[in-house]
Protein backbone atom coordinates (compact mmCIF):
# COMPACT_ATOMS: atom_id res chain seq x y z
CA MET A 1 208.52 88.69 60.56
CA VAL A 2 206.95 85.23 60.57
CA SER A 3 208.18 83.00 63.39
CA TRP A 4 208.23 79.21 63.24
CA SER A 5 207.45 78.70 66.94
CA GLY A 6 205.21 81.74 67.30
CA HIS A 7 203.20 81.55 64.06
CA ILE A 8 203.68 78.34 62.09
CA VAL A 9 203.51 75.80 64.92
CA PRO A 10 200.29 77.29 66.39
CA PHE A 11 198.77 77.20 62.90
CA ILE A 12 199.65 73.53 62.44
CA VAL A 13 198.43 72.61 65.93
CA THR A 14 195.08 74.36 65.46
CA VAL A 15 194.39 72.85 62.03
CA ALA A 16 195.37 69.36 63.20
CA ILE A 17 193.14 69.51 66.28
CA TRP A 18 190.25 70.96 64.25
CA PHE A 19 190.46 68.19 61.66
CA VAL A 20 190.88 65.27 64.06
CA ALA A 21 188.43 66.50 66.73
CA THR A 22 185.71 67.22 64.16
CA GLY A 23 186.13 63.74 62.73
CA LEU A 24 186.07 62.02 66.13
CA ILE A 25 182.91 63.84 67.18
CA ALA A 26 181.26 62.99 63.84
CA TRP A 27 182.29 59.36 64.30
CA ALA A 28 180.86 59.23 67.84
CA ASP A 29 177.49 60.79 67.03
CA ASN A 30 176.98 58.66 63.90
CA ARG A 31 177.37 55.34 65.70
CA GLU A 32 174.54 53.21 67.10
CA ARG A 33 172.43 55.02 69.68
CA ALA A 34 173.30 52.37 72.25
CA THR A 35 176.83 53.80 72.30
CA PHE A 36 175.73 57.38 73.05
CA SER A 37 175.68 56.97 76.82
CA THR A 38 179.31 55.82 76.81
CA SER A 39 180.31 58.62 74.42
CA LEU A 40 178.57 61.21 76.59
CA MET A 41 180.26 59.87 79.72
CA VAL A 42 183.69 60.08 78.07
CA GLY A 43 182.82 63.51 76.66
CA SER A 44 181.70 64.75 80.09
CA ILE A 45 184.92 63.59 81.71
CA ALA A 46 186.91 65.33 78.95
CA GLY A 47 184.81 68.49 79.30
CA ILE A 48 185.29 68.70 83.06
CA ALA A 49 188.99 67.97 82.64
CA GLY A 50 189.14 70.75 80.03
CA LEU A 51 187.56 73.19 82.47
CA LEU A 52 190.13 72.28 85.13
CA VAL A 53 192.93 72.67 82.57
CA ILE A 54 191.69 76.17 81.73
CA LEU A 55 191.56 77.14 85.40
CA LEU A 56 195.05 75.88 86.15
CA SER A 57 196.73 77.20 83.01
CA SER A 58 195.03 80.60 83.31
CA LEU A 59 197.41 81.46 86.16
CA SER A 60 200.49 81.27 83.94
CA THR A 61 201.60 83.29 80.93
CA GLN A 62 204.11 80.73 79.72
CA VAL A 63 203.79 79.37 76.19
CA TRP A 64 202.90 75.89 77.46
CA ALA A 65 200.06 77.37 79.52
CA VAL A 66 198.64 79.10 76.44
CA TYR A 67 198.58 75.81 74.55
CA LEU A 68 197.01 74.00 77.51
CA SER A 69 194.34 76.67 77.91
CA PHE A 70 193.58 76.48 74.18
CA ILE A 71 193.26 72.69 74.28
CA GLY A 72 191.15 72.89 77.44
CA ALA A 73 188.70 75.24 75.73
CA LEU A 74 188.41 72.84 72.79
CA MET A 75 187.76 69.96 75.19
CA VAL A 76 184.89 71.88 76.78
CA TRP A 77 183.59 72.85 73.34
CA GLY A 78 183.78 69.25 72.15
CA TRP A 79 181.74 68.16 75.15
CA HIS A 80 178.97 70.56 74.16
CA GLU A 81 179.13 69.52 70.50
CA LEU A 82 178.89 65.84 71.37
CA SER A 83 175.90 66.40 73.65
CA PHE A 84 174.16 68.35 70.88
CA LEU A 85 174.90 66.01 68.00
CA THR A 86 173.86 62.92 69.94
CA GLY A 87 170.57 64.70 70.67
CA ALA A 88 171.14 64.84 74.44
CA SER A 89 170.93 68.64 74.60
CA ALA A 90 169.28 70.01 71.50
CA GLY A 91 165.99 71.69 72.29
CA PRO A 92 162.39 71.02 73.37
CA ARG A 93 161.24 70.67 69.75
CA ARG A 94 162.38 67.45 68.06
CA GLY A 95 160.21 67.35 64.94
CA LEU A 96 159.99 68.75 61.43
CA ALA A 97 159.28 72.41 60.77
CA ASP A 98 155.74 73.58 60.16
CA PRO A 99 155.85 74.65 56.48
CA SER A 100 152.96 77.06 56.99
CA LEU A 101 154.93 79.28 59.37
CA THR A 102 156.93 82.31 58.26
CA GLY A 103 158.78 85.23 59.81
CA LEU A 104 159.04 85.44 63.58
CA ALA A 105 156.86 82.38 64.14
CA ARG A 106 159.19 80.27 62.01
CA PHE A 107 162.20 81.68 63.87
CA ARG A 108 160.69 80.84 67.27
CA GLN A 109 160.01 77.29 66.13
CA ALA A 110 163.54 76.90 64.77
CA ALA A 111 165.03 78.35 67.96
CA ALA A 112 163.15 75.75 70.00
CA THR A 113 165.10 72.98 68.24
CA VAL A 114 168.47 74.19 69.57
CA MET A 115 167.48 76.22 72.64
CA HIS A 116 168.95 73.92 75.31
CA HIS A 117 172.26 73.71 73.47
CA GLU A 118 172.54 77.47 72.96
CA VAL A 119 171.69 78.21 76.60
CA ALA A 120 174.31 75.70 77.76
CA LEU A 121 176.93 77.33 75.50
CA ALA A 122 176.01 80.82 76.70
CA VAL A 123 176.17 79.80 80.37
CA THR A 124 179.55 78.14 79.83
CA ALA A 125 180.86 81.22 78.02
CA LEU A 126 179.75 83.46 80.89
CA LEU A 127 181.31 81.08 83.40
CA LEU A 128 184.65 81.09 81.59
CA ILE A 129 184.57 84.88 81.24
CA SER A 130 183.90 85.32 84.96
CA LEU A 131 186.62 82.84 85.95
CA SER A 132 189.13 84.45 83.58
CA TRP A 133 188.31 88.09 84.28
CA ASP A 134 191.40 88.95 86.33
CA VAL A 135 193.80 86.16 85.38
CA PRO A 136 196.92 86.69 83.23
CA ASN A 137 196.06 83.97 80.67
CA GLN A 138 192.60 84.47 79.14
CA ILE A 139 193.05 82.36 76.01
CA GLY A 140 190.67 79.62 77.15
CA ALA A 141 187.72 81.95 77.60
CA THR A 142 188.56 83.88 74.43
CA VAL A 143 188.71 80.70 72.34
CA PHE A 144 185.37 79.46 73.64
CA VAL A 145 183.61 82.80 73.12
CA LEU A 146 185.04 83.09 69.60
CA MET A 147 183.82 79.60 68.67
CA PHE A 148 180.41 80.30 70.22
CA ALA A 149 180.05 83.50 68.20
CA MET A 150 181.07 81.85 64.92
CA ARG A 151 178.76 78.88 65.50
CA LEU A 152 175.82 81.17 66.29
CA ILE A 153 176.48 83.13 63.08
CA SER A 154 176.52 79.94 61.02
CA LYS A 155 173.23 78.74 62.52
CA ILE A 156 171.53 82.04 61.74
CA ASN A 157 172.82 81.86 58.18
CA LEU A 158 171.48 78.32 57.76
CA PHE A 159 168.09 79.50 58.99
CA VAL A 160 168.05 82.42 56.56
CA GLY A 161 169.36 80.29 53.69
CA VAL A 162 172.73 79.56 52.12
CA PRO A 163 173.77 78.27 48.69
CA ASN A 164 175.24 75.05 50.10
CA ALA A 165 173.56 73.67 53.23
CA SER A 166 175.62 70.46 53.11
CA SER A 167 174.36 68.04 55.75
CA GLU A 168 176.37 64.87 55.18
CA MET A 169 177.68 65.05 58.73
CA LEU A 170 174.30 65.74 60.31
CA PRO A 171 173.51 62.59 62.32
CA GLU A 172 170.30 60.64 61.80
CA GLN A 173 168.81 61.73 65.13
CA LEU A 174 169.02 65.40 64.06
CA VAL A 175 168.05 65.08 60.40
CA TYR A 176 164.82 66.96 61.13
CA LEU A 177 166.91 70.14 61.53
CA LYS A 178 167.26 70.28 57.74
CA SER A 179 163.59 71.26 57.50
CA TYR A 180 164.44 74.51 59.32
CA PHE A 181 167.11 75.52 56.81
CA GLY A 182 166.25 78.45 54.59
CA PRO A 183 166.12 78.34 50.79
CA SER A 184 169.25 77.73 48.75
CA ARG A 185 170.47 81.26 48.02
CA MET A 186 173.34 83.68 48.50
CA THR A 187 172.48 86.41 50.98
CA LEU A 188 174.04 89.66 52.11
CA LEU A 189 174.09 88.22 55.63
CA LEU A 190 176.41 85.39 54.60
CA ALA A 191 178.71 87.79 52.75
CA LEU A 192 178.85 90.12 55.77
CA SER A 193 179.43 87.16 58.09
CA ILE A 194 182.42 86.01 56.07
CA ALA A 195 183.78 89.56 55.96
CA ALA A 196 183.33 90.06 59.71
CA ILE A 197 185.08 86.82 60.67
CA ALA A 198 187.84 87.58 58.15
CA ALA A 199 188.27 90.99 59.76
CA ALA A 200 188.52 89.37 63.19
CA SER A 201 191.18 86.98 61.89
CA GLY A 202 193.06 89.95 60.41
CA TRP A 203 192.97 91.74 63.76
CA PHE A 204 194.31 88.67 65.58
CA ALA A 205 197.00 88.37 62.90
CA THR A 206 198.18 91.93 63.51
CA LEU A 207 198.46 91.15 67.22
CA ALA A 208 200.44 88.00 66.44
CA LEU A 209 202.85 89.87 64.15
CA ALA A 210 203.31 92.70 66.62
CA ALA A 211 204.00 90.51 69.67
CA PRO A 212 207.57 89.68 70.81
CA VAL A 213 208.98 86.69 68.91
CA GLY A 214 208.30 83.39 70.65
CA SER A 215 206.22 84.99 73.39
CA ALA A 216 203.00 83.66 74.85
CA GLU A 217 201.20 86.67 73.38
CA MET A 218 202.39 85.73 69.89
CA VAL A 219 201.36 82.09 70.29
CA GLY A 220 197.95 82.98 71.71
CA ALA A 221 197.19 85.48 68.96
CA SER A 222 198.34 82.99 66.31
CA LEU A 223 196.03 80.31 67.72
CA LEU A 224 193.11 82.74 67.60
CA THR A 225 194.06 83.85 64.09
CA THR A 226 194.00 80.28 62.81
CA LEU A 227 190.76 79.51 64.60
CA ALA A 228 189.10 82.55 63.02
CA LEU A 229 190.48 81.59 59.59
CA LEU A 230 188.92 78.15 60.01
CA GLY A 231 185.68 79.95 60.80
CA VAL A 232 186.01 81.84 57.52
CA LEU A 233 186.63 78.53 55.74
CA GLU A 234 183.57 76.89 57.29
CA HIS A 235 181.40 79.83 56.23
CA LEU A 236 182.86 79.66 52.73
CA PHE A 237 181.76 76.02 52.70
CA LEU A 238 178.19 77.36 53.06
CA ALA A 239 178.63 79.42 49.91
CA LEU A 240 180.55 76.94 47.77
CA PRO A 241 179.59 73.47 46.47
CA PHE A 242 181.62 71.62 49.10
CA ARG A 243 180.80 68.19 50.54
CA ASP A 244 181.59 67.43 54.19
CA GLY A 245 182.44 63.87 53.21
CA MET A 246 185.42 65.11 51.19
CA LEU A 247 187.27 65.78 54.46
CA TRP A 248 185.53 63.66 57.05
CA GLY A 249 184.13 60.72 55.12
CA TRP A 250 186.35 58.44 57.20
CA ALA A 251 184.37 59.50 60.29
CA LEU A 252 181.00 58.38 58.91
CA PRO A 253 181.07 54.55 59.03
CA GLN A 254 178.28 52.78 57.14
CA ARG A 255 175.98 55.77 57.14
CA ARG A 256 172.53 55.28 55.87
CA PRO A 257 171.13 57.92 53.53
CA ALA A 258 169.24 60.64 55.39
CA ALA A 259 165.49 60.74 54.97
CA PRO A 260 164.36 63.49 52.58
CA THR A 261 162.86 66.62 54.09
CA ASN A 262 160.97 69.49 52.59
CA ARG A 263 162.79 72.77 51.91
CA ASP A 264 161.43 76.03 50.60
């Protein structure tokens, strides 16, 4: 049976935070570069605060603690996203792709553009897993690991090639990343990725439906279900003719058109 407090409210909370937080990060990393230091300072404070929130709330299995742990994980994630999209922690390579490279050589070059960011995410995921290993509330670590996995899958798909590599929200300082995108095509990898994330969301949904009504377990599973469903939606955006500006155009003030780059 669907519960308002255990299923519907977590769904609304997750979608609202996803929409607003994505827009705010897009707004911050598309402003003048002179503002990046302030944005990174604010983001760092929020990220550290998020980590502390996860640690404190992980000791309780109350519903409020589940929500706090979830929000804390998103604060830490937002910190990483802001540092990446402002160019502060992308990778050692900051230029266009070499069009003559193929196969493994092309992959190594592409990986060098995001290496620092991916290592930072992996280290943070391991830290949260280790800190949450024996605590009663593990939602914070689970949320972060889930988002890390879905983001890694999307980046691999972009490298291989997707039908709709929309880049309206890609900031000017990272526009060179478009040259590492694969050709515009539908692949088995993208279809399997969507199916796998959908399966994960279905598994979380079964946990949410099976948990006691109004319990922390129900709320936590519902939050994870919605987060995974948003992951499915974002991967569907890669397959369908969807424009980022349709949802987050308000977050891109006075954007200049991105410079054209070569694609296969």
